[in-house]
PDB file of N, CA and C in Angstrom:
ATOM      1  N   UNK A   1      41.666 -41.617 185.911  1.00  0.00           N
ATOM      2  CA  UNK A   1      41.726 -42.118 184.554  1.00  0.00           C
ATOM      3  C   UNK A   1      42.437 -43.469 184.561  1.00  0.00           C
ATOM      4  N   UNK A   2      41.866 -44.441 183.892  1.00  0.00           N
ATOM      5  CA  UNK A   2      42.472 -45.753 183.744  1.00  0.00           C
ATOM      6  C   UNK A   2      43.129 -45.828 182.367  1.00  0.00           C
ATOM      7  N   UNK A   3      44.416 -46.078 182.358  1.00  0.00           N
ATOM      8  CA  UNK A   3      45.191 -46.047 181.127  1.00  0.00           C
ATOM      9  C   UNK A   3      45.467 -47.455 180.608  1.00  0.00           C
ATOM     10  N   UNK A   4      45.434 -47.588 179.290  1.00  0.00           N
ATOM     11  CA  UNK A   4      45.747 -48.867 178.657  1.00  0.00           C
ATOM     12  C   UNK A   4      46.776 -48.665 177.558  1.00  0.00           C
ATOM     13  N   UNK A   5      47.531 -49.718 177.323  1.00  0.00           N
ATOM     14  CA  UNK A   5      48.476 -49.775 176.221  1.00  0.00           C
ATOM     15  C   UNK A   5      48.022 -50.905 175.324  1.00  0.00           C
ATOM     16  N   UNK A   6      47.731 -50.580 174.074  1.00  0.00           N
ATOM     17  CA  UNK A   6      47.361 -51.589 173.087  1.00  0.00           C
ATOM     18  C   UNK A   6      48.554 -51.763 172.151  1.00  0.00           C
ATOM     19  N   UNK A   7      49.282 -52.859 172.334  1.00  0.00           N
ATOM     20  CA  UNK A   7      50.440 -53.152 171.496  1.00  0.00           C
ATOM     21  C   UNK A   7      49.950 -53.788 170.202  1.00  0.00           C
ATOM     22  N   UNK A   8      50.364 -53.222 169.079  1.00  0.00           N
ATOM     23  CA  UNK A   8      49.860 -53.662 167.782  1.00  0.00           C
ATOM     24  C   UNK A   8      51.003 -54.108 166.882  1.00  0.00           C
ATOM     25  N   UNK A   9      50.898 -55.319 166.365  1.00  0.00           N
ATOM     26  CA  UNK A   9      51.865 -55.836 165.394  1.00  0.00           C
ATOM     27  C   UNK A   9      51.127 -56.186 164.107  1.00  0.00           C
ATOM     28  N   UNK A  10      51.890 -56.426 163.070  1.00  0.00           N
ATOM     29  CA  UNK A  10      51.282 -56.753 161.779  1.00  0.00           C
ATOM     30  C   UNK A  10      50.513 -58.056 161.846  1.00  0.00           C
ATOM     31  N   UNK A  11      51.118 -59.072 162.414  1.00  0.00           N
ATOM     32  CA  UNK A  11      50.524 -60.409 162.439  1.00  0.00           C
ATOM     33  C   UNK A  11      51.157 -61.282 161.381  1.00  0.00           C
ATOM     34  N   UNK A  12      51.205 -62.568 161.659  1.00  0.00           N
ATOM     35  CA  UNK A  12      51.869 -63.515 160.771  1.00  0.00           C
ATOM     36  C   UNK A  12      51.149 -64.855 160.808  1.00  0.00           C
ATOM     37  N   UNK A  13      51.360 -65.629 159.784  1.00  0.00           N
ATOM     38  CA  UNK A  13      50.852 -67.008 159.792  1.00  0.00           C
ATOM     39  C   UNK A  13      51.724 -67.877 160.696  1.00  0.00           C
ATOM     40  N   UNK A  14      52.923 -67.404 161.012  1.00  0.00           N
ATOM     41  CA  UNK A  14      53.865 -68.136 161.864  1.00  0.00           C
ATOM     42  C   UNK A  14      53.625 -67.782 163.332  1.00  0.00           C
ATOM     43  N   UNK A  15      53.269 -68.781 164.103  1.00  0.00           N
ATOM     44  CA  UNK A  15      52.999 -68.560 165.526  1.00  0.00           C
ATOM     45  C   UNK A  15      54.215 -67.993 166.246  1.00  0.00           C
ATOM     46  N   UNK A  16      55.407 -68.422 165.864  1.00  0.00           N
ATOM     47  CA  UNK A  16      56.626 -67.930 166.520  1.00  0.00           C
ATOM     48  C   UNK A  16      56.781 -66.422 166.332  1.00  0.00           C
ATOM     49  N   UNK A  17      56.410 -65.925 165.173  1.00  0.00           N
ATOM     50  CA  UNK A  17      56.493 -64.485 164.918  1.00  0.00           C
ATOM     51  C   UNK A  17      55.483 -63.735 165.789  1.00  0.00           C
ATOM     52  N   UNK A  18      54.294 -64.263 165.911  1.00  0.00           N
ATOM     53  CA  UNK A  18      53.265 -63.621 166.734  1.00  0.00           C
ATOM     54  C   UNK A  18      53.610 -63.691 168.220  1.00  0.00           C
ATOM     55  N   UNK A  19      54.372 -64.696 168.611  1.00  0.00           N
ATOM     56  CA  UNK A  19      54.741 -64.868 170.016  1.00  0.00           C
ATOM     57  C   UNK A  19      55.600 -63.708 170.523  1.00  0.00           C
ATOM     58  N   UNK A  20      56.315 -63.030 169.627  1.00  0.00           N
ATOM     59  CA  UNK A  20      57.124 -61.885 170.050  1.00  0.00           C
ATOM     60  C   UNK A  20      56.257 -60.812 170.701  1.00  0.00           C
ATOM     61  N   UNK A  21      55.083 -60.564 170.157  1.00  0.00           N
ATOM     62  CA  UNK A  21      54.202 -59.541 170.719  1.00  0.00           C
ATOM     63  C   UNK A  21      53.684 -59.971 172.091  1.00  0.00           C
ATOM     64  N   UNK A  22      53.407 -61.253 172.240  1.00  0.00           N
ATOM     65  CA  UNK A  22      52.965 -61.776 173.537  1.00  0.00           C
ATOM     66  C   UNK A  22      54.064 -61.564 174.574  1.00  0.00           C
ATOM     67  N   UNK A  23      55.302 -61.875 174.203  1.00  0.00           N
ATOM     68  CA  UNK A  23      56.430 -61.682 175.120  1.00  0.00           C
ATOM     69  C   UNK A  23      56.638 -60.207 175.426  1.00  0.00           C
ATOM     70  N   UNK A  24      56.511 -59.358 174.416  1.00  0.00           N
ATOM     71  CA  UNK A  24      56.637 -57.920 174.626  1.00  0.00           C
ATOM     72  C   UNK A  24      55.588 -57.441 175.626  1.00  0.00           C
ATOM     73  N   UNK A  25      54.366 -57.911 175.483  1.00  0.00           N
ATOM     74  CA  UNK A  25      53.287 -57.509 176.402  1.00  0.00           C
ATOM     75  C   UNK A  25      53.613 -57.920 177.836  1.00  0.00           C
ATOM     76  N   UNK A  26      54.193 -59.087 178.016  1.00  0.00           N
ATOM     77  CA  UNK A  26      54.572 -59.529 179.358  1.00  0.00           C
ATOM     78  C   UNK A  26      55.606 -58.587 179.967  1.00  0.00           C
ATOM     79  N   UNK A  27      56.568 -58.164 179.167  1.00  0.00           N
ATOM     80  CA  UNK A  27      57.605 -57.235 179.635  1.00  0.00           C
ATOM     81  C   UNK A  27      56.990 -55.883 179.978  1.00  0.00           C
ATOM     82  N   UNK A  28      56.113 -55.394 179.105  1.00  0.00           N
ATOM     83  CA  UNK A  28      55.484 -54.088 179.336  1.00  0.00           C
ATOM     84  C   UNK A  28      54.605 -54.138 180.586  1.00  0.00           C
ATOM     85  N   UNK A  29      53.901 -55.236 180.797  1.00  0.00           N
ATOM     86  CA  UNK A  29      53.067 -55.364 182.007  1.00  0.00           C
ATOM     87  C   UNK A  29      53.926 -55.265 183.270  1.00  0.00           C
ATOM     88  N   UNK A  30      55.100 -55.860 183.222  1.00  0.00           N
ATOM     89  CA  UNK A  30      56.008 -55.800 184.367  1.00  0.00           C
ATOM     90  C   UNK A  30      56.522 -54.387 184.588  1.00  0.00           C
ATOM     91  N   UNK A  31      56.838 -53.701 183.494  1.00  0.00           N
ATOM     92  CA  UNK A  31      57.403 -52.344 183.585  1.00  0.00           C
ATOM     93  C   UNK A  31      56.343 -51.276 183.841  1.00  0.00           C
ATOM     94  N   UNK A  32      55.089 -51.552 183.463  1.00  0.00           N
ATOM     95  CA  UNK A  32      53.995 -50.579 183.603  1.00  0.00           C
ATOM     96  C   UNK A  32      52.811 -51.232 184.319  1.00  0.00           C
ATOM     97  N   UNK A  33      52.994 -51.636 185.581  1.00  0.00           N
ATOM     98  CA  UNK A  33      51.929 -52.380 186.275  1.00  0.00           C
ATOM     99  C   UNK A  33      50.650 -51.584 186.493  1.00  0.00           C
ATOM    100  N   UNK A  34      50.723 -50.268 186.380  1.00  0.00           N
ATOM    101  CA  UNK A  34      49.543 -49.434 186.576  1.00  0.00           C
ATOM    102  C   UNK A  34      48.641 -49.417 185.337  1.00  0.00           C
ATOM    103  N   UNK A  35      49.154 -49.899 184.208  1.00  0.00           N
ATOM    104  CA  UNK A  35      48.410 -49.854 182.947  1.00  0.00           C
ATOM    105  C   UNK A  35      47.788 -51.202 182.592  1.00  0.00           C
ATOM    106  N   UNK A  36      46.661 -51.126 181.918  1.00  0.00           N
ATOM    107  CA  UNK A  36      46.080 -52.297 181.261  1.00  0.00           C
ATOM    108  C   UNK A  36      46.918 -52.503 180.002  1.00  0.00           C
ATOM    109  N   UNK A  37      47.341 -53.724 179.741  1.00  0.00           N
ATOM    110  CA  UNK A  37      48.148 -53.998 178.546  1.00  0.00           C
ATOM    111  C   UNK A  37      47.473 -55.106 177.753  1.00  0.00           C
ATOM    112  N   UNK A  38      47.162 -54.810 176.498  1.00  0.00           N
ATOM    113  CA  UNK A  38      46.547 -55.779 175.591  1.00  0.00           C
ATOM    114  C   UNK A  38      47.346 -55.808 174.288  1.00  0.00           C
ATOM    115  N   UNK A  39      47.167 -56.871 173.525  1.00  0.00           N
ATOM    116  CA  UNK A  39      47.824 -57.000 172.226  1.00  0.00           C
ATOM    117  C   UNK A  39      46.787 -57.109 171.127  1.00  0.00           C
ATOM    118  N   UNK A  40      47.235 -56.813 169.898  1.00  0.00           N
ATOM    119  CA  UNK A  40      46.361 -56.939 168.733  1.00  0.00           C
ATOM    120  C   UNK A  40      47.218 -57.042 167.485  1.00  0.00           C
ATOM    121  N   UNK A  41      46.641 -57.666 166.475  1.00  0.00           N
ATOM    122  CA  UNK A  41      47.326 -57.831 165.194  1.00  0.00           C
ATOM    123  C   UNK A  41      46.501 -57.202 164.082  1.00  0.00           C
ATOM    124  N   UNK A  42      47.192 -56.574 163.142  1.00  0.00           N
ATOM    125  CA  UNK A  42      46.534 -55.930 162.009  1.00  0.00           C
ATOM    126  C   UNK A  42      45.858 -56.957 161.115  1.00  0.00           C
ATOM    127  N   UNK A  43      46.546 -58.074 160.883  1.00  0.00           N
ATOM    128  CA  UNK A  43      45.968 -59.127 160.041  1.00  0.00           C
ATOM    129  C   UNK A  43      46.645 -60.457 160.333  1.00  0.00           C
ATOM    130  N   UNK A  44      46.060 -61.518 159.840  1.00  0.00           N
ATOM    131  CA  UNK A  44      46.612 -62.868 159.876  1.00  0.00           C
ATOM    132  C   UNK A  44      46.642 -63.526 161.246  1.00  0.00           C
ATOM    133  N   UNK A  45      46.237 -62.834 162.304  1.00  0.00           N
ATOM    134  CA  UNK A  45      46.258 -63.416 163.640  1.00  0.00           C
ATOM    135  C   UNK A  45      45.226 -62.704 164.515  1.00  0.00           C
ATOM    136  N   UNK A  46      44.932 -63.307 165.629  1.00  0.00           N
ATOM    137  CA  UNK A  46      44.014 -62.717 166.596  1.00  0.00           C
ATOM    138  C   UNK A  46      44.703 -62.606 167.938  1.00  0.00           C
ATOM    139  N   UNK A  47      44.273 -61.645 168.743  1.00  0.00           N
ATOM    140  CA  UNK A  47      43.116 -60.783 168.573  1.00  0.00           C
ATOM    141  C   UNK A  47      43.364 -59.697 167.520  1.00  0.00           C
ATOM    142  N   UNK A  48      42.291 -59.308 166.861  1.00  0.00           N
ATOM    143  CA  UNK A  48      42.360 -58.231 165.885  1.00  0.00           C
ATOM    144  C   UNK A  48      42.462 -56.900 166.631  1.00  0.00           C
ATOM    145  N   UNK A  49      42.730 -55.844 165.901  1.00  0.00           N
ATOM    146  CA  UNK A  49      42.820 -54.518 166.530  1.00  0.00           C
ATOM    147  C   UNK A  49      41.475 -54.115 167.157  1.00  0.00           C
ATOM    148  N   UNK A  50      40.346 -54.292 166.471  1.00  0.00           N
ATOM    149  CA  UNK A  50      39.072 -53.979 167.142  1.00  0.00           C
ATOM    150  C   UNK A  50      38.838 -54.827 168.399  1.00  0.00           C
ATOM    151  N   UNK A  51      39.228 -56.094 168.364  1.00  0.00           N
ATOM    152  CA  UNK A  51      39.074 -56.942 169.548  1.00  0.00           C
ATOM    153  C   UNK A  51      39.956 -56.443 170.695  1.00  0.00           C
ATOM    154  N   UNK A  52      41.184 -56.058 170.380  1.00  0.00           N
ATOM    155  CA  UNK A  52      42.091 -55.541 171.405  1.00  0.00           C
ATOM    156  C   UNK A  52      41.599 -54.246 172.009  1.00  0.00           C
ATOM    157  N   UNK A  53      41.094 -53.344 171.167  1.00  0.00           N
ATOM    158  CA  UNK A  53      40.563 -52.072 171.660  1.00  0.00           C
ATOM    159  C   UNK A  53      39.351 -52.312 172.558  1.00  0.00           C
ATOM    160  N   UNK A  54      38.464 -53.187 172.131  1.00  0.00           N
ATOM    161  CA  UNK A  54      37.272 -53.499 172.931  1.00  0.00           C
ATOM    162  C   UNK A  54      37.677 -54.099 174.270  1.00  0.00           C
ATOM    163  N   UNK A  55      38.697 -54.931 174.263  1.00  0.00           N
ATOM    164  CA  UNK A  55      39.176 -55.545 175.511  1.00  0.00           C
ATOM    165  C   UNK A  55      39.697 -54.469 176.476  1.00  0.00           C
ATOM    166  N   UNK A  56      40.407 -53.477 175.958  1.00  0.00           N
ATOM    167  CA  UNK A  56      40.877 -52.372 176.808  1.00  0.00           C
ATOM    168  C   UNK A  56      39.703 -51.650 177.460  1.00  0.00           C
ATOM    169  N   UNK A  57      38.687 -51.360 176.661  1.00  0.00           N
ATOM    170  CA  UNK A  57      37.505 -50.651 177.169  1.00  0.00           C
ATOM    171  C   UNK A  57      36.766 -51.522 178.184  1.00  0.00           C
ATOM    172  N   UNK A  58      36.598 -52.811 177.880  1.00  0.00           N
ATOM    173  CA  UNK A  58      35.923 -53.739 178.799  1.00  0.00           C
ATOM    174  C   UNK A  58      36.635 -53.802 180.145  1.00  0.00           C
ATOM    175  N   UNK A  59      37.934 -53.650 180.117  1.00  0.00           N
ATOM    176  CA  UNK A  59      38.726 -53.709 181.354  1.00  0.00           C
ATOM    177  C   UNK A  59      38.761 -52.367 182.082  1.00  0.00           C
ATOM    178  N   UNK A  60      38.060 -51.368 181.546  1.00  0.00           N
ATOM    179  CA  UNK A  60      37.899 -50.100 182.238  1.00  0.00           C
ATOM    180  C   UNK A  60      38.772 -48.951 181.780  1.00  0.00           C
ATOM    181  N   UNK A  61      39.454 -49.097 180.668  1.00  0.00           N
ATOM    182  CA  UNK A  61      40.325 -48.024 180.189  1.00  0.00           C
ATOM    183  C   UNK A  61      39.510 -46.813 179.742  1.00  0.00           C
ATOM    184  N   UNK A  62      39.994 -45.644 180.119  1.00  0.00           N
ATOM    185  CA  UNK A  62      39.417 -44.395 179.632  1.00  0.00           C
ATOM    186  C   UNK A  62      40.401 -43.669 178.719  1.00  0.00           C
ATOM    187  N   UNK A  63      41.615 -44.181 178.661  1.00  0.00           N
ATOM    188  CA  UNK A  63      42.658 -43.630 177.793  1.00  0.00           C
ATOM    189  C   UNK A  63      43.464 -44.810 177.245  1.00  0.00           C
ATOM    190  N   UNK A  64      43.508 -44.942 175.915  1.00  0.00           N
ATOM    191  CA  UNK A  64      44.209 -46.061 175.284  1.00  0.00           C
ATOM    192  C   UNK A  64      45.295 -45.523 174.366  1.00  0.00           C
ATOM    193  N   UNK A  65      46.523 -45.912 174.646  1.00  0.00           N
ATOM    194  CA  UNK A  65      47.643 -45.587 173.757  1.00  0.00           C
ATOM    195  C   UNK A  65      47.833 -46.766 172.815  1.00  0.00           C
ATOM    196  N   UNK A  66      47.609 -46.517 171.541  1.00  0.00           N
ATOM    197  CA  UNK A  66      47.771 -47.544 170.505  1.00  0.00           C
ATOM    198  C   UNK A  66      49.238 -47.494 170.059  1.00  0.00           C
ATOM    199  N   UNK A  67      50.002 -48.503 170.460  1.00  0.00           N
ATOM    200  CA  UNK A  67      51.441 -48.486 170.227  1.00  0.00           C
ATOM    201  C   UNK A  67      51.836 -49.501 169.156  1.00  0.00           C
ATOM    202  N   UNK A  68      52.166 -49.013 167.963  1.00  0.00           N
ATOM    203  CA  UNK A  68      52.515 -49.938 166.878  1.00  0.00           C
ATOM    204  C   UNK A  68      53.921 -50.502 167.034  1.00  0.00           C
ATOM    205  N   UNK A  69      54.012 -51.811 166.955  1.00  0.00           N
ATOM    206  CA  UNK A  69      55.301 -52.510 166.958  1.00  0.00           C
ATOM    207  C   UNK A  69      55.730 -52.631 165.497  1.00  0.00           C
ATOM    208  N   UNK A  70      55.916 -51.452 164.879  1.00  0.00           N
ATOM    209  CA  UNK A  70      56.272 -51.306 163.466  1.00  0.00           C
ATOM    210  C   UNK A  70      57.520 -50.433 163.399  1.00  0.00           C
ATOM    211  N   UNK A  71      58.315 -50.625 162.364  1.00  0.00           N
ATOM    212  CA  UNK A  71      59.538 -49.848 162.237  1.00  0.00           C
ATOM    213  C   UNK A  71      59.322 -48.456 161.662  1.00  0.00           C
ATOM    214  N   UNK A  72      58.398 -48.314 160.738  1.00  0.00           N
ATOM    215  CA  UNK A  72      58.241 -47.014 160.089  1.00  0.00           C
ATOM    216  C   UNK A  72      56.770 -46.662 159.905  1.00  0.00           C
ATOM    217  N   UNK A  73      56.539 -45.402 159.577  1.00  0.00           N
ATOM    218  CA  UNK A  73      55.177 -44.893 159.410  1.00  0.00           C
ATOM    219  C   UNK A  73      54.706 -45.082 157.971  1.00  0.00           C
ATOM    220  N   UNK A  74      54.585 -46.327 157.564  1.00  0.00           N
ATOM    221  CA  UNK A  74      54.097 -46.630 156.225  1.00  0.00           C
ATOM    222  C   UNK A  74      52.581 -46.579 156.171  1.00  0.00           C
ATOM    223  N   UNK A  75      52.027 -47.197 155.157  1.00  0.00           N
ATOM    224  CA  UNK A  75      50.581 -47.179 154.924  1.00  0.00           C
ATOM    225  C   UNK A  75      49.791 -47.730 156.102  1.00  0.00           C
ATOM    226  N   UNK A  76      50.305 -48.783 156.733  1.00  0.00           N
ATOM    227  CA  UNK A  76      49.553 -49.376 157.844  1.00  0.00           C
ATOM    228  C   UNK A  76      49.333 -48.375 158.974  1.00  0.00           C
ATOM    229  N   UNK A  77      50.317 -47.546 159.241  1.00  0.00           N
ATOM    230  CA  UNK A  77      50.152 -46.556 160.303  1.00  0.00           C
ATOM    231  C   UNK A  77      49.411 -45.337 159.779  1.00  0.00           C
ATOM    232  N   UNK A  78      49.859 -44.814 158.652  1.00  0.00           N
ATOM    233  CA  UNK A  78      49.281 -43.577 158.115  1.00  0.00           C
ATOM    234  C   UNK A  78      47.803 -43.729 157.762  1.00  0.00           C
ATOM    235  N   UNK A  79      47.405 -44.909 157.330  1.00  0.00           N
ATOM    236  CA  UNK A  79      46.012 -45.104 156.924  1.00  0.00           C
ATOM    237  C   UNK A  79      45.263 -46.075 157.833  1.00  0.00           C
ATOM    238  N   UNK A  80      45.762 -47.295 157.963  1.00  0.00           N
ATOM    239  CA  UNK A  80      45.020 -48.326 158.697  1.00  0.00           C
ATOM    240  C   UNK A  80      44.853 -47.978 160.178  1.00  0.00           C
ATOM    241  N   UNK A  81      45.959 -47.725 160.859  1.00  0.00           N
ATOM    242  CA  UNK A  81      45.863 -47.475 162.299  1.00  0.00           C
ATOM    243  C   UNK A  81      45.208 -46.139 162.608  1.00  0.00           C
ATOM    244  N   UNK A  82      45.446 -45.148 161.770  1.00  0.00           N
ATOM    245  CA  UNK A  82      44.765 -43.864 161.938  1.00  0.00           C
ATOM    246  C   UNK A  82      43.262 -44.047 161.764  1.00  0.00           C
ATOM    247  N   UNK A  83      42.872 -44.877 160.812  1.00  0.00           N
ATOM    248  CA  UNK A  83      41.454 -45.180 160.606  1.00  0.00           C
ATOM    249  C   UNK A  83      40.838 -45.873 161.804  1.00  0.00           C
ATOM    250  N   UNK A  84      41.569 -46.827 162.374  1.00  0.00           N
ATOM    251  CA  UNK A  84      41.070 -47.496 163.582  1.00  0.00           C
ATOM    252  C   UNK A  84      40.927 -46.506 164.732  1.00  0.00           C
ATOM    253  N   UNK A  85      41.890 -45.610 164.874  1.00  0.00           N
ATOM    254  CA  UNK A  85      41.816 -44.613 165.941  1.00  0.00           C
ATOM    255  C   UNK A  85      40.527 -43.787 165.809  1.00  0.00           C
ATOM    256  N   UNK A  86      40.226 -43.343 164.603  1.00  0.00           N
ATOM    257  CA  UNK A  86      39.009 -42.565 164.353  1.00  0.00           C
ATOM    258  C   UNK A  86      37.770 -43.403 164.643  1.00  0.00           C
ATOM    259  N   UNK A  87      37.777 -44.635 164.172  1.00  0.00           N
ATOM    260  CA  UNK A  87      36.643 -45.551 164.387  1.00  0.00           C
ATOM    261  C   UNK A  87      36.393 -45.785 165.871  1.00  0.00           C
ATOM    262  N   UNK A  88      37.458 -46.061 166.626  1.00  0.00           N
ATOM    263  CA  UNK A  88      37.295 -46.352 168.053  1.00  0.00           C
ATOM    264  C   UNK A  88      36.835 -45.119 168.826  1.00  0.00           C
ATOM    265  N   UNK A  89      37.316 -43.953 168.429  1.00  0.00           N
ATOM    266  CA  UNK A  89      36.896 -42.719 169.103  1.00  0.00           C
ATOM    267  C   UNK A  89      35.394 -42.494 168.931  1.00  0.00           C
ATOM    268  N   UNK A  90      34.861 -42.860 167.775  1.00  0.00           N
ATOM    269  CA  UNK A  90      33.420 -42.742 167.538  1.00  0.00           C
ATOM    270  C   UNK A  90      32.648 -43.841 168.271  1.00  0.00           C
ATOM    271  N   UNK A  91      33.191 -45.050 168.264  1.00  0.00           N
ATOM    272  CA  UNK A  91      32.522 -46.192 168.891  1.00  0.00           C
ATOM    273  C   UNK A  91      32.509 -46.078 170.416  1.00  0.00           C
ATOM    274  N   UNK A  92      33.584 -45.538 170.970  1.00  0.00           N
ATOM    275  CA  UNK A  92      33.722 -45.404 172.429  1.00  0.00           C
ATOM    276  C   UNK A  92      33.986 -43.929 172.761  1.00  0.00           C
ATOM    277  N   UNK A  93      32.954 -43.079 172.715  1.00  0.00           N
ATOM    278  CA  UNK A  93      33.157 -41.628 172.858  1.00  0.00           C
ATOM    279  C   UNK A  93      33.711 -41.187 174.215  1.00  0.00           C
ATOM    280  N   UNK A  94      33.602 -42.026 175.218  1.00  0.00           N
ATOM    281  CA  UNK A  94      34.111 -41.665 176.545  1.00  0.00           C
ATOM    282  C   UNK A  94      35.543 -42.133 176.769  1.00  0.00           C
ATOM    283  N   UNK A  95      36.152 -42.675 175.721  1.00  0.00           N
ATOM    284  CA  UNK A  95      37.520 -43.185 175.818  1.00  0.00           C
ATOM    285  C   UNK A  95      38.392 -42.422 174.829  1.00  0.00           C
ATOM    286  N   UNK A  96      39.539 -41.979 175.294  1.00  0.00           N
ATOM    287  CA  UNK A  96      40.484 -41.274 174.424  1.00  0.00           C
ATOM    288  C   UNK A  96      41.467 -42.288 173.841  1.00  0.00           C
ATOM    289  N   UNK A  97      41.544 -42.330 172.521  1.00  0.00           N
ATOM    290  CA  UNK A  97      42.488 -43.204 171.816  1.00  0.00           C
ATOM    291  C   UNK A  97      43.571 -42.344 171.193  1.00  0.00           C
ATOM    292  N   UNK A  98      44.829 -42.665 171.484  1.00  0.00           N
ATOM    293  CA  UNK A  98      45.955 -41.947 170.907  1.00  0.00           C
ATOM    294  C   UNK A  98      46.852 -42.941 170.184  1.00  0.00           C
ATOM    295  N   UNK A  99      47.264 -42.577 168.984  1.00  0.00           N
ATOM    296  CA  UNK A  99      48.165 -43.414 168.194  1.00  0.00           C
ATOM    297  C   UNK A  99      49.594 -42.951 168.435  1.00  0.00           C
ATOM    298  N   UNK A 100      50.410 -43.836 168.968  1.00  0.00           N
ATOM    299  CA  UNK A 100      51.817 -43.531 169.225  1.00  0.00           C
ATOM    300  C   UNK A 100      52.619 -43.677 167.927  1.00  0.00           C
ATOM    301  N   UNK A 101      53.769 -43.026 167.850  1.00  0.00           N
ATOM    302  CA  UNK A 101      54.602 -43.177 166.654  1.00  0.00           C
ATOM    303  C   UNK A 101      55.222 -44.572 166.584  1.00  0.00           C
ATOM    304  N   UNK A 102      55.621 -44.999 165.385  1.00  0.00           N
ATOM    305  CA  UNK A 102      56.300 -46.291 165.256  1.00  0.00           C
ATOM    306  C   UNK A 102      57.690 -46.224 165.893  1.00  0.00           C
ATOM    307  N   UNK A 103      58.362 -47.341 165.961  1.00  0.00           N
ATOM    308  CA  UNK A 103      59.696 -47.391 166.560  1.00  0.00           C
ATOM    309  C   UNK A 103      60.671 -46.477 165.844  1.00  0.00           C
ATOM    310  N   UNK A 104      60.611 -46.462 164.525  1.00  0.00           N
ATOM    311  CA  UNK A 104      61.392 -45.518 163.725  1.00  0.00           C
ATOM    312  C   UNK A 104      62.882 -45.541 163.989  1.00  0.00           C
ATOM    313  N   UNK A 105      63.496 -44.388 163.857  1.00  0.00           N
ATOM    314  CA  UNK A 105      64.941 -44.262 164.014  1.00  0.00           C
ATOM    315  C   UNK A 105      65.319 -43.814 165.418  1.00  0.00           C
ATOM    316  N   UNK A 106      64.604 -44.280 166.393  1.00  0.00           N
ATOM    317  CA  UNK A 106      64.907 -43.956 167.780  1.00  0.00           C
ATOM    318  C   UNK A 106      66.342 -44.411 168.092  1.00  0.00           C
ATOM    319  N   UNK A 107      67.059 -43.630 168.874  1.00  0.00           N
ATOM    320  CA  UNK A 107      68.462 -43.943 169.154  1.00  0.00           C
ATOM    321  C   UNK A 107      68.642 -45.312 169.796  1.00  0.00           C
ATOM    322  N   UNK A 108      67.710 -45.737 170.626  1.00  0.00           N
ATOM    323  CA  UNK A 108      67.825 -47.061 171.236  1.00  0.00           C
ATOM    324  C   UNK A 108      67.625 -48.174 170.215  1.00  0.00           C
ATOM    325  N   UNK A 109      66.809 -47.915 169.203  1.00  0.00           N
ATOM    326  CA  UNK A 109      66.625 -48.902 168.146  1.00  0.00           C
ATOM    327  C   UNK A 109      67.910 -49.048 167.334  1.00  0.00           C
ATOM    328  N   UNK A 110      68.573 -47.940 167.100  1.00  0.00           N
ATOM    329  CA  UNK A 110      69.859 -47.983 166.394  1.00  0.00           C
ATOM    330  C   UNK A 110      70.852 -48.802 167.211  1.00  0.00           C
ATOM    331  N   UNK A 111      70.877 -48.580 168.518  1.00  0.00           N
ATOM    332  CA  UNK A 111      71.783 -49.351 169.381  1.00  0.00           C
ATOM    333  C   UNK A 111      71.442 -50.842 169.333  1.00  0.00           C
ATOM    334  N   UNK A 112      70.156 -51.162 169.354  1.00  0.00           N
ATOM    335  CA  UNK A 112      69.737 -52.567 169.280  1.00  0.00           C
ATOM    336  C   UNK A 112      70.166 -53.187 167.954  1.00  0.00           C
ATOM    337  N   UNK A 113      70.037 -52.453 166.867  1.00  0.00           N
ATOM    338  CA  UNK A 113      70.450 -52.941 165.552  1.00  0.00           C
ATOM    339  C   UNK A 113      71.950 -53.228 165.537  1.00  0.00           C
ATOM    340  N   UNK A 114      72.729 -52.307 166.050  1.00  0.00           N
ATOM    341  CA  UNK A 114      74.175 -52.500 166.087  1.00  0.00           C
ATOM    342  C   UNK A 114      74.554 -53.693 166.966  1.00  0.00           C
ATOM    343  N   UNK A 115      73.855 -53.853 168.079  1.00  0.00           N
ATOM    344  CA  UNK A 115      74.114 -54.999 168.957  1.00  0.00           C
ATOM    345  C   UNK A 115      73.808 -56.311 168.238  1.00  0.00           C
ATOM    346  N   UNK A 116      72.685 -56.361 167.527  1.00  0.00           N
ATOM    347  CA  UNK A 116      72.322 -57.578 166.777  1.00  0.00           C
ATOM    348  C   UNK A 116      73.360 -57.890 165.694  1.00  0.00           C
ATOM    349  N   UNK A 117      73.854 -56.861 165.021  1.00  0.00           N
ATOM    350  CA  UNK A 117      74.878 -57.088 164.004  1.00  0.00           C
ATOM    351  C   UNK A 117      76.155 -57.631 164.635  1.00  0.00           C
ATOM    352  N   UNK A 118      76.514 -57.130 165.800  1.00  0.00           N
ATOM    353  CA  UNK A 118      77.705 -57.608 166.483  1.00  0.00           C
ATOM    354  C   UNK A 118      77.552 -59.046 166.958  1.00  0.00           C
ATOM    355  N   UNK A 119      76.335 -59.459 167.310  1.00  0.00           N
ATOM    356  CA  UNK A 119      76.104 -60.853 167.701  1.00  0.00           C
ATOM    357  C   UNK A 119      76.451 -61.811 166.573  1.00  0.00           C
ATOM    358  N   UNK A 120      76.082 -61.455 165.365  1.00  0.00           N
ATOM    359  CA  UNK A 120      76.365 -62.296 164.201  1.00  0.00           C
ATOM    360  C   UNK A 120      77.858 -62.291 163.918  1.00  0.00           C
ATOM    361  N   UNK A 121      78.468 -61.109 163.987  1.00  0.00           N
ATOM    362  CA  UNK A 121      79.909 -60.978 163.718  1.00  0.00           C
ATOM    363  C   UNK A 121      80.695 -61.869 164.664  1.00  0.00           C
ATOM    364  N   UNK A 122      80.343 -61.874 165.923  1.00  0.00           N
ATOM    365  CA  UNK A 122      81.044 -62.674 166.919  1.00  0.00           C
ATOM    366  C   UNK A 122      80.853 -64.149 166.635  1.00  0.00           C
ATOM    367  N   UNK A 123      79.649 -64.572 166.281  1.00  0.00           N
ATOM    368  CA  UNK A 123      79.386 -65.977 165.992  1.00  0.00           C
ATOM    369  C   UNK A 123      80.178 -66.489 164.811  1.00  0.00           C
ATOM    370  N   UNK A 124      80.331 -65.656 163.785  1.00  0.00           N
ATOM    371  CA  UNK A 124      81.016 -66.076 162.554  1.00  0.00           C
ATOM    372  C   UNK A 124      82.534 -65.970 162.650  1.00  0.00           C
ATOM    373  N   UNK A 125      83.027 -65.269 163.632  1.00  0.00           N
ATOM    374  CA  UNK A 125      84.484 -65.007 163.709  1.00  0.00           C
ATOM    375  C   UNK A 125      85.275 -66.234 164.079  1.00  0.00           C
TER     376      UNK A 125
END
């Protein structure tokens, strides 16, 4: 089985905001060299989610983990990304698409938040 990770962000008109996902993909590729790693944006930027999914399949993926770079399971995950998962499963019947949970209240995210707050505190002190 060839596994892929499709990193998904909302997308922005600001290139600097979209660049975060590109950098994240570079880090994930280094940490998961056995996986195909692609990026996609929900809106306002390319590649789109359908383009990213197609790229995973074109590169030989038989299992795609759709990983949202979102904080919570709002409408975009509950409806939009779930809809894409269903669509891709029908479009590519020989490929398994799984939607991963958002970042949420994961303990490491809490630690990252506290670290970021401390960075500001130190700068202002």
